[in-house]
């Protein structure tokens, strides 16, 4: 009997927690489309997440940063690739990103930066002042960037109750409590 109880406990411990999905739509009033909003789970009580070993990438091509908004887990290293035939630079004036400047480099080269603190920071190019992007450094790996129609999907979120936040470069951050079980819908409306 003791062996059966031990096996049952071992099986229960090895089973993954039930995981669901958060999806929905973010409507951004007064702008061209509802893309580039970052929807994310604020925290998971009692849990920390190691940063990924693989680097994230922002490409500089056609005098633009791509993607325009990049969410990453805190501690992630981001590579900045120059794919244009002109010199580019990457810097951030934001204190939360430690006001860095990676200098200027030619086509085909890249420079890297590790983002350790939670932050929403502008990324700029001193050579081309019209270039702008954003990095969202987040506390959990549960995030998504909205499509132009405002839709988003965050998969593999363990069942439970969380604070779900939405950040957008042009609007104030908003939040709501959501309870995840299987497929959970959470819509937001952002206005000026």
N, C-alpha and C. Protein backbone atom coordinates (compact mmCIF):
# COMPACT_ATOMS: atom_id res chain seq x y z
N UNK A 1 0.83 -1.20 0.00
CA UNK A 1 0.00 0.00 0.00
C UNK A 1 0.87 1.26 0.00
N UNK A 2 1.96 1.24 0.81
CA UNK A 2 2.86 2.38 0.88
C UNK A 2 3.48 2.65 -0.49
N UNK A 3 3.82 1.61 -1.23
CA UNK A 3 4.40 1.74 -2.57
C UNK A 3 3.42 2.35 -3.55
N UNK A 4 2.14 1.98 -3.43
CA UNK A 4 1.12 2.54 -4.32
C UNK A 4 0.95 4.03 -4.06
N UNK A 5 0.94 4.43 -2.78
CA UNK A 5 0.81 5.84 -2.43
C UNK A 5 2.03 6.63 -2.95
N UNK A 6 3.22 6.05 -2.80
CA UNK A 6 4.43 6.71 -3.29
C UNK A 6 4.38 6.89 -4.79
N UNK A 7 3.95 5.85 -5.53
CA UNK A 7 3.83 5.96 -6.98
C UNK A 7 2.79 6.99 -7.38
N UNK A 8 1.68 7.02 -6.68
CA UNK A 8 0.62 7.99 -6.99
C UNK A 8 1.12 9.41 -6.76
N UNK A 9 1.86 9.62 -5.66
CA UNK A 9 2.41 10.95 -5.39
C UNK A 9 3.44 11.34 -6.43
N UNK A 10 4.29 10.42 -6.82
CA UNK A 10 5.31 10.70 -7.85
C UNK A 10 4.65 11.05 -9.18
N UNK A 11 3.59 10.34 -9.52
CA UNK A 11 2.87 10.62 -10.77
C UNK A 11 2.22 12.00 -10.71
N UNK A 12 1.64 12.34 -9.58
CA UNK A 12 0.98 13.64 -9.43
C UNK A 12 1.98 14.79 -9.53
N UNK A 13 3.17 14.61 -8.93
CA UNK A 13 4.20 15.64 -8.97
C UNK A 13 4.74 15.82 -10.38
N UNK A 14 4.83 14.74 -11.15
CA UNK A 14 5.40 14.83 -12.49
C UNK A 14 4.41 15.35 -13.53
N UNK A 15 3.12 15.37 -13.21
CA UNK A 15 2.14 15.88 -14.16
C UNK A 15 2.24 17.39 -14.27
N UNK A 16 2.20 17.96 -15.47
CA UNK A 16 2.25 19.41 -15.60
C UNK A 16 0.94 20.03 -15.12
N UNK A 17 1.04 21.27 -14.67
CA UNK A 17 -0.18 21.99 -14.31
C UNK A 17 -1.00 22.18 -15.57
N UNK A 18 -2.30 22.23 -15.40
CA UNK A 18 -3.16 22.48 -16.56
C UNK A 18 -2.81 23.84 -17.13
N UNK A 19 -2.68 23.91 -18.45
CA UNK A 19 -2.33 25.17 -19.09
C UNK A 19 -3.44 25.59 -20.02
N UNK A 20 -3.67 26.87 -20.03
CA UNK A 20 -4.70 27.43 -20.89
C UNK A 20 -4.13 28.48 -21.81
N UNK A 21 -5.01 29.30 -22.31
CA UNK A 21 -4.64 30.34 -23.26
C UNK A 21 -5.44 31.59 -22.94
N UNK A 22 -4.78 32.74 -23.07
CA UNK A 22 -5.47 34.02 -22.97
C UNK A 22 -5.46 34.63 -24.37
N UNK A 23 -6.61 35.07 -24.82
CA UNK A 23 -6.69 35.69 -26.13
C UNK A 23 -7.74 36.80 -26.09
N UNK A 24 -7.72 37.63 -27.08
CA UNK A 24 -8.71 38.70 -27.13
C UNK A 24 -8.32 39.76 -28.11
N UNK A 25 -8.84 40.95 -27.86
CA UNK A 25 -8.62 42.07 -28.76
C UNK A 25 -8.38 43.33 -27.94
N UNK A 26 -7.44 44.13 -28.41
CA UNK A 26 -7.16 45.44 -27.83
C UNK A 26 -7.56 46.47 -28.88
N UNK A 27 -8.50 47.34 -28.54
CA UNK A 27 -8.92 48.40 -29.45
C UNK A 27 -8.23 49.69 -29.01
N UNK A 28 -7.45 50.27 -29.93
CA UNK A 28 -6.74 51.52 -29.66
C UNK A 28 -7.45 52.65 -30.39
N UNK A 29 -8.13 53.49 -29.64
CA UNK A 29 -8.92 54.58 -30.25
C UNK A 29 -8.02 55.76 -30.62
N UNK A 30 -8.26 56.31 -31.81
CA UNK A 30 -7.56 57.51 -32.23
C UNK A 30 -6.24 57.29 -32.93
N UNK A 31 -5.91 56.03 -33.24
CA UNK A 31 -4.68 55.74 -34.00
C UNK A 31 -5.04 54.90 -35.22
N UNK A 32 -4.10 54.81 -36.16
CA UNK A 32 -4.33 54.13 -37.44
C UNK A 32 -4.79 52.69 -37.28
N UNK A 33 -4.12 51.94 -36.41
CA UNK A 33 -4.53 50.56 -36.16
C UNK A 33 -4.25 50.20 -34.70
N UNK A 34 -4.59 48.99 -34.32
CA UNK A 34 -4.45 48.57 -32.92
C UNK A 34 -3.25 47.65 -32.70
N UNK A 35 -2.30 47.70 -33.61
CA UNK A 35 -1.09 46.90 -33.46
C UNK A 35 -0.12 47.52 -32.47
N UNK A 36 0.90 46.75 -32.11
CA UNK A 36 2.01 47.17 -31.25
C UNK A 36 1.67 47.37 -29.79
N UNK A 37 0.53 46.89 -29.33
CA UNK A 37 0.26 46.87 -27.88
C UNK A 37 0.85 45.57 -27.33
N UNK A 38 1.43 45.65 -26.15
CA UNK A 38 1.98 44.46 -25.50
C UNK A 38 1.02 44.05 -24.39
N UNK A 39 0.51 42.83 -24.48
CA UNK A 39 -0.38 42.27 -23.47
C UNK A 39 0.44 41.24 -22.70
N UNK A 40 0.46 41.34 -21.36
CA UNK A 40 1.33 40.43 -20.60
C UNK A 40 0.77 40.15 -19.21
N UNK A 41 1.14 38.97 -18.71
CA UNK A 41 0.81 38.58 -17.33
C UNK A 41 1.84 39.26 -16.43
N UNK A 42 1.34 40.05 -15.47
CA UNK A 42 2.22 40.85 -14.62
C UNK A 42 3.20 40.00 -13.80
N UNK A 43 2.69 38.97 -13.16
CA UNK A 43 3.57 38.11 -12.35
C UNK A 43 2.86 36.80 -12.07
N UNK A 44 3.66 35.83 -11.68
CA UNK A 44 3.12 34.54 -11.24
C UNK A 44 3.66 34.35 -9.82
N UNK A 45 2.80 34.47 -8.81
CA UNK A 45 3.27 34.41 -7.42
C UNK A 45 4.13 33.18 -7.15
N UNK A 46 5.28 33.44 -6.52
CA UNK A 46 6.18 32.36 -6.12
C UNK A 46 7.00 31.77 -7.26
N UNK A 47 6.98 32.41 -8.44
CA UNK A 47 7.69 31.84 -9.57
C UNK A 47 8.57 32.89 -10.23
N UNK A 48 9.80 32.48 -10.54
CA UNK A 48 10.70 33.33 -11.33
C UNK A 48 11.03 32.58 -12.61
N UNK A 49 11.48 33.32 -13.61
CA UNK A 49 11.71 32.73 -14.92
C UNK A 49 13.12 33.05 -15.38
N UNK A 50 13.92 32.03 -15.70
CA UNK A 50 15.27 32.30 -16.21
C UNK A 50 15.18 32.85 -17.63
N UNK A 51 16.06 33.78 -17.97
CA UNK A 51 16.02 34.32 -19.33
C UNK A 51 16.42 33.25 -20.35
N UNK A 52 15.97 33.41 -21.58
CA UNK A 52 16.32 32.42 -22.60
C UNK A 52 17.80 32.52 -22.97
N UNK A 53 18.38 31.40 -23.36
CA UNK A 53 19.77 31.40 -23.81
C UNK A 53 19.87 32.02 -25.20
N UNK A 54 18.84 31.82 -26.02
CA UNK A 54 18.82 32.35 -27.37
C UNK A 54 18.55 33.86 -27.33
N UNK A 55 19.29 34.61 -28.12
CA UNK A 55 19.12 36.06 -28.17
C UNK A 55 17.89 36.44 -29.00
N UNK A 56 17.28 37.54 -28.62
CA UNK A 56 16.22 38.15 -29.43
C UNK A 56 16.92 39.01 -30.48
N UNK A 57 16.18 39.42 -31.51
CA UNK A 57 16.79 40.20 -32.60
C UNK A 57 15.92 41.38 -32.99
N UNK A 58 16.57 42.53 -33.14
CA UNK A 58 15.97 43.69 -33.77
C UNK A 58 16.84 44.00 -34.98
N UNK A 59 16.21 44.06 -36.13
CA UNK A 59 16.93 44.32 -37.38
C UNK A 59 16.72 45.77 -37.79
N UNK A 60 17.77 46.39 -38.31
CA UNK A 60 17.68 47.73 -38.88
C UNK A 60 17.75 47.56 -40.39
N UNK A 61 16.61 47.77 -41.03
CA UNK A 61 16.52 47.57 -42.47
C UNK A 61 15.55 48.58 -43.07
N UNK A 62 15.92 49.13 -44.22
CA UNK A 62 15.11 50.17 -44.88
C UNK A 62 14.86 51.36 -43.95
N UNK A 63 15.89 51.69 -43.17
CA UNK A 63 15.85 52.80 -42.22
C UNK A 63 14.72 52.67 -41.21
N UNK A 64 14.48 51.44 -40.79
CA UNK A 64 13.46 51.14 -39.77
C UNK A 64 13.98 50.06 -38.84
N UNK A 65 13.51 50.09 -37.61
CA UNK A 65 13.74 49.00 -36.68
C UNK A 65 12.65 47.96 -36.90
N UNK A 66 12.99 46.71 -36.88
CA UNK A 66 11.98 45.66 -37.00
C UNK A 66 12.28 44.52 -36.04
N UNK A 67 11.36 44.20 -35.16
CA UNK A 67 10.02 44.77 -35.06
C UNK A 67 10.04 46.15 -34.40
N UNK A 68 8.92 46.86 -34.56
CA UNK A 68 8.77 48.19 -33.96
C UNK A 68 8.64 48.10 -32.44
N UNK A 69 8.00 47.04 -31.95
CA UNK A 69 7.86 46.78 -30.51
C UNK A 69 8.31 45.35 -30.26
N UNK A 70 9.28 45.19 -29.35
CA UNK A 70 9.79 43.86 -29.03
C UNK A 70 9.64 43.59 -27.54
N UNK A 71 8.77 42.65 -27.15
CA UNK A 71 8.71 42.24 -25.74
C UNK A 71 9.73 41.13 -25.48
N UNK A 72 10.41 41.21 -24.33
CA UNK A 72 11.37 40.17 -23.94
C UNK A 72 11.25 39.95 -22.43
N UNK A 73 11.67 38.79 -21.99
CA UNK A 73 11.75 38.48 -20.57
C UNK A 73 12.97 39.18 -19.98
N UNK A 74 12.85 39.73 -18.78
CA UNK A 74 13.99 40.37 -18.12
C UNK A 74 15.18 39.43 -18.10
N UNK A 75 16.36 39.96 -18.44
CA UNK A 75 17.58 39.17 -18.51
C UNK A 75 17.92 38.70 -19.92
N UNK A 76 17.05 39.00 -20.88
CA UNK A 76 17.27 38.59 -22.27
C UNK A 76 18.31 39.48 -22.94
N UNK A 77 19.17 38.86 -23.75
CA UNK A 77 20.11 39.61 -24.58
C UNK A 77 19.48 39.82 -25.94
N UNK A 78 19.55 41.05 -26.43
CA UNK A 78 19.00 41.42 -27.73
C UNK A 78 20.14 41.78 -28.66
N UNK A 79 20.14 41.18 -29.85
CA UNK A 79 21.09 41.52 -30.90
C UNK A 79 20.47 42.58 -31.79
N UNK A 80 21.27 43.58 -32.16
CA UNK A 80 20.85 44.64 -33.07
C UNK A 80 21.65 44.48 -34.36
N UNK A 81 20.98 44.09 -35.42
CA UNK A 81 21.61 43.80 -36.71
C UNK A 81 21.43 44.98 -37.66
N UNK A 82 22.51 45.41 -38.31
CA UNK A 82 22.41 46.43 -39.35
C UNK A 82 22.35 45.73 -40.70
N UNK A 83 21.20 45.81 -41.37
CA UNK A 83 21.04 45.21 -42.69
C UNK A 83 20.96 46.26 -43.80
N UNK A 84 21.21 47.52 -43.45
CA UNK A 84 21.21 48.59 -44.44
C UNK A 84 22.63 48.88 -44.91
N UNK A 85 22.75 49.50 -46.08
CA UNK A 85 24.05 49.86 -46.65
C UNK A 85 24.56 51.19 -46.09
N UNK A 86 23.98 51.64 -44.99
CA UNK A 86 24.42 52.87 -44.32
C UNK A 86 24.75 52.55 -42.87
N UNK A 87 25.48 53.42 -42.21
CA UNK A 87 25.80 53.24 -40.80
C UNK A 87 24.54 53.42 -39.97
N UNK A 88 24.43 52.62 -38.90
CA UNK A 88 23.35 52.77 -37.94
C UNK A 88 23.93 52.82 -36.53
N UNK A 89 23.11 53.30 -35.62
CA UNK A 89 23.44 53.42 -34.20
C UNK A 89 22.22 52.95 -33.43
N UNK A 90 22.41 52.47 -32.21
CA UNK A 90 21.28 52.17 -31.32
C UNK A 90 21.60 52.76 -29.95
N UNK A 91 20.64 53.54 -29.44
CA UNK A 91 20.79 54.06 -28.09
C UNK A 91 19.41 54.19 -27.46
N UNK A 92 19.40 54.29 -26.12
CA UNK A 92 18.16 54.56 -25.39
C UNK A 92 18.44 55.63 -24.35
N UNK A 93 17.62 56.69 -24.32
CA UNK A 93 17.77 57.73 -23.32
C UNK A 93 17.10 57.39 -21.99
N UNK A 94 16.43 56.22 -21.93
CA UNK A 94 15.62 55.88 -20.76
C UNK A 94 16.45 55.29 -19.62
N UNK A 95 16.27 55.85 -18.42
CA UNK A 95 17.02 55.41 -17.24
C UNK A 95 16.76 53.94 -16.92
N UNK A 96 15.54 53.47 -17.14
CA UNK A 96 15.24 52.07 -16.81
C UNK A 96 16.04 51.10 -17.68
N UNK A 97 16.52 51.57 -18.85
CA UNK A 97 17.37 50.75 -19.73
C UNK A 97 18.84 51.12 -19.55
N UNK A 98 19.14 51.86 -18.51
CA UNK A 98 20.49 52.29 -18.16
C UNK A 98 21.12 53.20 -19.20
N UNK A 99 20.30 53.98 -19.92
CA UNK A 99 20.76 55.00 -20.87
C UNK A 99 21.98 54.54 -21.68
N UNK A 100 21.82 53.51 -22.45
CA UNK A 100 22.96 52.96 -23.19
C UNK A 100 23.09 53.56 -24.58
N UNK A 101 24.30 53.42 -25.14
CA UNK A 101 24.59 53.80 -26.52
C UNK A 101 25.57 52.77 -27.06
N UNK A 102 25.16 52.01 -28.07
CA UNK A 102 26.00 50.94 -28.63
C UNK A 102 26.97 51.44 -29.70
N UNK A 103 26.94 52.73 -30.01
CA UNK A 103 27.83 53.25 -31.04
C UNK A 103 27.24 53.05 -32.43
N UNK A 104 28.09 53.19 -33.44
CA UNK A 104 27.67 53.12 -34.83
C UNK A 104 28.43 52.00 -35.52
N UNK A 105 27.73 51.26 -36.41
CA UNK A 105 28.38 50.16 -37.11
C UNK A 105 27.78 49.96 -38.50
N UNK A 106 28.55 49.32 -39.41
CA UNK A 106 28.14 49.18 -40.81
C UNK A 106 27.26 47.96 -41.06
N UNK A 107 26.82 47.87 -42.30
CA UNK A 107 25.99 46.75 -42.77
C UNK A 107 26.66 45.40 -42.47
N UNK A 108 25.83 44.45 -42.06
CA UNK A 108 26.29 43.09 -41.81
C UNK A 108 26.79 42.84 -40.40
N UNK A 109 26.97 43.88 -39.63
CA UNK A 109 27.44 43.70 -38.26
C UNK A 109 26.28 43.83 -37.28
N UNK A 110 26.52 43.31 -36.09
CA UNK A 110 25.51 43.46 -35.04
C UNK A 110 26.19 43.73 -33.71
N UNK A 111 25.44 44.33 -32.83
CA UNK A 111 25.88 44.60 -31.46
C UNK A 111 24.79 44.07 -30.54
N UNK A 112 25.18 43.75 -29.31
CA UNK A 112 24.25 43.12 -28.37
C UNK A 112 24.13 43.92 -27.08
N UNK A 113 22.99 43.74 -26.43
CA UNK A 113 22.73 44.39 -25.14
C UNK A 113 21.82 43.47 -24.33
N UNK A 114 22.14 43.28 -23.05
CA UNK A 114 21.29 42.50 -22.15
C UNK A 114 20.41 43.47 -21.34
N UNK A 115 19.11 43.19 -21.35
CA UNK A 115 18.15 44.02 -20.64
C UNK A 115 17.75 43.30 -19.35
N UNK A 116 18.22 43.80 -18.22
CA UNK A 116 18.08 43.10 -16.94
C UNK A 116 16.86 43.54 -16.13
N UNK A 117 16.42 44.79 -16.26
CA UNK A 117 15.33 45.33 -15.44
C UNK A 117 14.04 45.44 -16.24
N UNK A 118 12.93 45.26 -15.54
CA UNK A 118 11.63 45.50 -16.18
C UNK A 118 11.60 46.95 -16.65
N UNK A 119 11.13 47.15 -17.89
CA UNK A 119 11.26 48.46 -18.48
C UNK A 119 10.47 48.56 -19.77
N UNK A 120 10.06 49.75 -20.13
CA UNK A 120 9.52 50.05 -21.45
C UNK A 120 10.39 51.19 -21.95
N UNK A 121 11.29 50.91 -22.88
CA UNK A 121 12.30 51.88 -23.29
C UNK A 121 12.26 52.13 -24.79
N UNK A 122 12.47 53.39 -25.14
CA UNK A 122 12.59 53.78 -26.54
C UNK A 122 13.96 53.37 -27.05
N UNK A 123 14.02 52.94 -28.31
CA UNK A 123 15.26 52.65 -29.00
C UNK A 123 15.36 53.63 -30.17
N UNK A 124 16.49 54.30 -30.28
CA UNK A 124 16.65 55.34 -31.29
C UNK A 124 17.98 55.16 -32.02
N UNK A 125 18.11 55.87 -33.15
CA UNK A 125 19.34 55.86 -33.95
C UNK A 125 19.81 57.30 -34.08
N UNK A 126 21.03 57.61 -33.63
CA UNK A 126 21.55 58.97 -33.73
C UNK A 126 21.79 59.39 -35.18
N UNK A 127 22.06 58.43 -36.05
CA UNK A 127 22.32 58.74 -37.46
C UNK A 127 21.02 59.07 -38.19
N UNK A 128 19.93 58.41 -37.79
CA UNK A 128 18.63 58.59 -38.45
C UNK A 128 17.58 58.89 -37.38
N UNK A 129 17.36 60.17 -37.02
CA UNK A 129 16.47 60.51 -35.92
C UNK A 129 15.01 60.10 -36.13
N UNK A 130 14.63 59.79 -37.36
CA UNK A 130 13.25 59.34 -37.61
C UNK A 130 13.03 57.89 -37.19
N UNK A 131 14.11 57.16 -36.93
CA UNK A 131 13.99 55.75 -36.54
C UNK A 131 13.66 55.65 -35.05
N UNK A 132 12.65 54.83 -34.73
CA UNK A 132 12.24 54.64 -33.34
C UNK A 132 11.64 53.25 -33.20
N UNK A 133 11.96 52.61 -32.09
CA UNK A 133 11.34 51.33 -31.73
C UNK A 133 11.23 51.31 -30.21
N UNK A 134 10.61 50.25 -29.72
CA UNK A 134 10.41 50.11 -28.28
C UNK A 134 10.77 48.70 -27.86
N UNK A 135 11.35 48.60 -26.66
CA UNK A 135 11.58 47.28 -26.07
C UNK A 135 10.79 47.24 -24.76
N UNK A 136 10.05 46.16 -24.58
CA UNK A 136 9.27 45.94 -23.36
C UNK A 136 9.93 44.80 -22.62
N UNK A 137 10.58 45.10 -21.51
CA UNK A 137 11.28 44.09 -20.71
C UNK A 137 10.33 43.68 -19.59
N UNK A 138 9.91 42.41 -19.62
CA UNK A 138 8.77 41.95 -18.81
C UNK A 138 9.17 40.93 -17.75
N UNK A 139 8.34 40.76 -16.70
CA UNK A 139 8.66 39.85 -15.60
C UNK A 139 8.30 38.39 -15.87
N UNK A 140 7.49 38.11 -16.90
CA UNK A 140 7.10 36.73 -17.19
C UNK A 140 7.23 36.47 -18.69
N UNK A 141 7.29 35.21 -19.08
CA UNK A 141 7.33 34.89 -20.51
C UNK A 141 5.95 34.82 -21.14
N UNK A 142 4.93 35.26 -20.42
CA UNK A 142 3.55 35.18 -20.91
C UNK A 142 3.14 36.54 -21.47
N UNK A 143 3.39 36.74 -22.76
CA UNK A 143 3.11 38.02 -23.40
C UNK A 143 2.83 37.82 -24.88
N UNK A 144 2.27 38.86 -25.48
CA UNK A 144 2.00 38.88 -26.92
C UNK A 144 1.95 40.32 -27.38
N UNK A 145 2.26 40.54 -28.65
CA UNK A 145 2.10 41.84 -29.29
C UNK A 145 0.87 41.76 -30.17
N UNK A 146 0.02 42.77 -30.09
CA UNK A 146 -1.21 42.75 -30.88
C UNK A 146 -0.92 42.93 -32.37
N UNK A 147 -1.73 42.27 -33.17
CA UNK A 147 -1.72 42.42 -34.62
C UNK A 147 -2.39 43.77 -34.95
N UNK A 148 -2.31 44.24 -36.20
CA UNK A 148 -2.96 45.51 -36.55
C UNK A 148 -4.45 45.56 -36.21
N UNK A 149 -5.13 44.42 -36.25
CA UNK A 149 -6.56 44.41 -35.89
C UNK A 149 -6.79 44.34 -34.38
N UNK A 150 -5.70 44.31 -33.59
CA UNK A 150 -5.80 44.30 -32.13
C UNK A 150 -5.84 42.92 -31.51
N UNK A 151 -5.87 41.88 -32.32
CA UNK A 151 -5.97 40.53 -31.76
C UNK A 151 -4.63 40.09 -31.16
N UNK A 152 -4.71 39.24 -30.15
CA UNK A 152 -3.52 38.67 -29.53
C UNK A 152 -3.84 37.29 -28.98
N UNK A 153 -2.79 36.53 -28.70
CA UNK A 153 -2.93 35.19 -28.13
C UNK A 153 -1.71 34.89 -27.27
N UNK A 154 -1.93 34.52 -26.01
CA UNK A 154 -0.85 34.12 -25.10
C UNK A 154 -1.08 32.66 -24.74
N UNK A 155 -0.29 31.73 -25.28
CA UNK A 155 -0.50 30.30 -25.01
C UNK A 155 0.21 29.83 -23.75
N UNK A 156 -0.13 28.64 -23.32
CA UNK A 156 0.56 27.90 -22.24
C UNK A 156 0.64 28.63 -20.91
N UNK A 157 -0.44 29.29 -20.52
CA UNK A 157 -0.51 29.95 -19.23
C UNK A 157 -1.18 28.99 -18.26
N UNK A 158 -0.51 28.69 -17.16
CA UNK A 158 -1.06 27.78 -16.17
C UNK A 158 -2.39 28.32 -15.64
N UNK A 159 -3.34 27.42 -15.42
CA UNK A 159 -4.62 27.83 -14.85
C UNK A 159 -4.39 28.59 -13.55
N UNK A 160 -5.13 29.67 -13.37
CA UNK A 160 -5.00 30.48 -12.17
C UNK A 160 -5.54 31.88 -12.43
N UNK A 161 -5.43 32.74 -11.41
CA UNK A 161 -5.89 34.11 -11.53
C UNK A 161 -4.67 35.03 -11.56
N UNK A 162 -4.66 35.95 -12.53
CA UNK A 162 -3.51 36.83 -12.77
C UNK A 162 -3.97 38.25 -13.05
N UNK A 163 -3.03 39.18 -12.94
CA UNK A 163 -3.25 40.54 -13.42
C UNK A 163 -2.69 40.58 -14.84
N UNK A 164 -3.54 40.93 -15.78
CA UNK A 164 -3.16 41.04 -17.18
C UNK A 164 -3.06 42.53 -17.51
N UNK A 165 -1.90 42.94 -18.04
CA UNK A 165 -1.67 44.35 -18.35
C UNK A 165 -1.52 44.55 -19.85
N UNK A 166 -1.81 45.79 -20.28
CA UNK A 166 -1.61 46.18 -21.66
C UNK A 166 -0.81 47.48 -21.66
N UNK A 167 0.30 47.45 -22.41
CA UNK A 167 1.13 48.63 -22.60
C UNK A 167 1.16 48.96 -24.09
N UNK A 168 1.12 50.24 -24.41
CA UNK A 168 1.21 50.70 -25.80
C UNK A 168 2.04 51.98 -25.79
N UNK A 169 2.89 52.20 -26.81
CA UNK A 169 3.74 53.40 -26.80
C UNK A 169 2.98 54.72 -26.72
N UNK A 170 1.71 54.75 -27.08
CA UNK A 170 0.97 56.02 -27.13
C UNK A 170 -0.13 56.15 -26.07
N UNK A 171 -0.32 55.12 -25.24
CA UNK A 171 -1.41 55.16 -24.27
C UNK A 171 -0.92 54.79 -22.88
N UNK A 172 -1.74 55.13 -21.88
CA UNK A 172 -1.43 54.72 -20.51
C UNK A 172 -1.65 53.22 -20.37
N UNK A 173 -0.84 52.59 -19.53
CA UNK A 173 -0.98 51.16 -19.26
C UNK A 173 -2.30 50.92 -18.55
N UNK A 174 -2.96 49.83 -18.91
CA UNK A 174 -4.20 49.45 -18.25
C UNK A 174 -4.10 47.99 -17.83
N UNK A 175 -4.99 47.56 -16.95
CA UNK A 175 -4.92 46.18 -16.46
C UNK A 175 -6.29 45.69 -16.03
N UNK A 176 -6.38 44.36 -15.91
CA UNK A 176 -7.57 43.74 -15.33
C UNK A 176 -7.18 42.38 -14.79
N UNK A 177 -7.97 41.89 -13.88
CA UNK A 177 -7.75 40.55 -13.33
C UNK A 177 -8.43 39.54 -14.26
N UNK A 178 -7.72 38.44 -14.53
CA UNK A 178 -8.29 37.37 -15.36
C UNK A 178 -8.07 36.03 -14.68
N UNK A 179 -9.04 35.16 -14.83
CA UNK A 179 -8.89 33.79 -14.35
C UNK A 179 -8.77 32.89 -15.55
N UNK A 180 -7.63 32.21 -15.64
CA UNK A 180 -7.34 31.36 -16.79
C UNK A 180 -7.80 29.95 -16.50
N UNK A 181 -8.59 29.42 -17.39
CA UNK A 181 -9.00 28.02 -17.36
C UNK A 181 -9.33 27.66 -18.80
N UNK A 182 -8.55 26.78 -19.38
CA UNK A 182 -8.68 26.43 -20.80
C UNK A 182 -8.48 27.68 -21.66
N UNK A 183 -9.54 28.15 -22.29
CA UNK A 183 -9.46 29.29 -23.20
C UNK A 183 -10.14 30.48 -22.55
N UNK A 184 -9.38 31.55 -22.30
CA UNK A 184 -9.89 32.71 -21.59
C UNK A 184 -9.83 33.94 -22.49
N UNK A 185 -10.93 34.67 -22.58
CA UNK A 185 -11.02 35.85 -23.41
C UNK A 185 -10.85 37.10 -22.54
N UNK A 186 -10.00 38.04 -23.00
CA UNK A 186 -9.82 39.31 -22.27
C UNK A 186 -9.63 40.41 -23.30
N UNK A 187 -10.61 41.30 -23.39
CA UNK A 187 -10.56 42.41 -24.32
C UNK A 187 -10.25 43.71 -23.57
N UNK A 188 -9.63 44.66 -24.28
CA UNK A 188 -9.28 45.94 -23.70
C UNK A 188 -9.61 47.04 -24.70
N UNK A 189 -9.84 48.25 -24.18
CA UNK A 189 -9.99 49.43 -25.02
C UNK A 189 -9.08 50.52 -24.47
N UNK A 190 -8.22 51.05 -25.33
CA UNK A 190 -7.30 52.10 -24.94
C UNK A 190 -7.71 53.39 -25.63
N UNK A 191 -7.74 54.47 -24.89
CA UNK A 191 -8.09 55.77 -25.45
C UNK A 191 -7.17 56.84 -24.92
N UNK A 192 -7.18 57.96 -25.56
CA UNK A 192 -6.30 59.06 -25.15
C UNK A 192 -6.85 59.79 -23.95
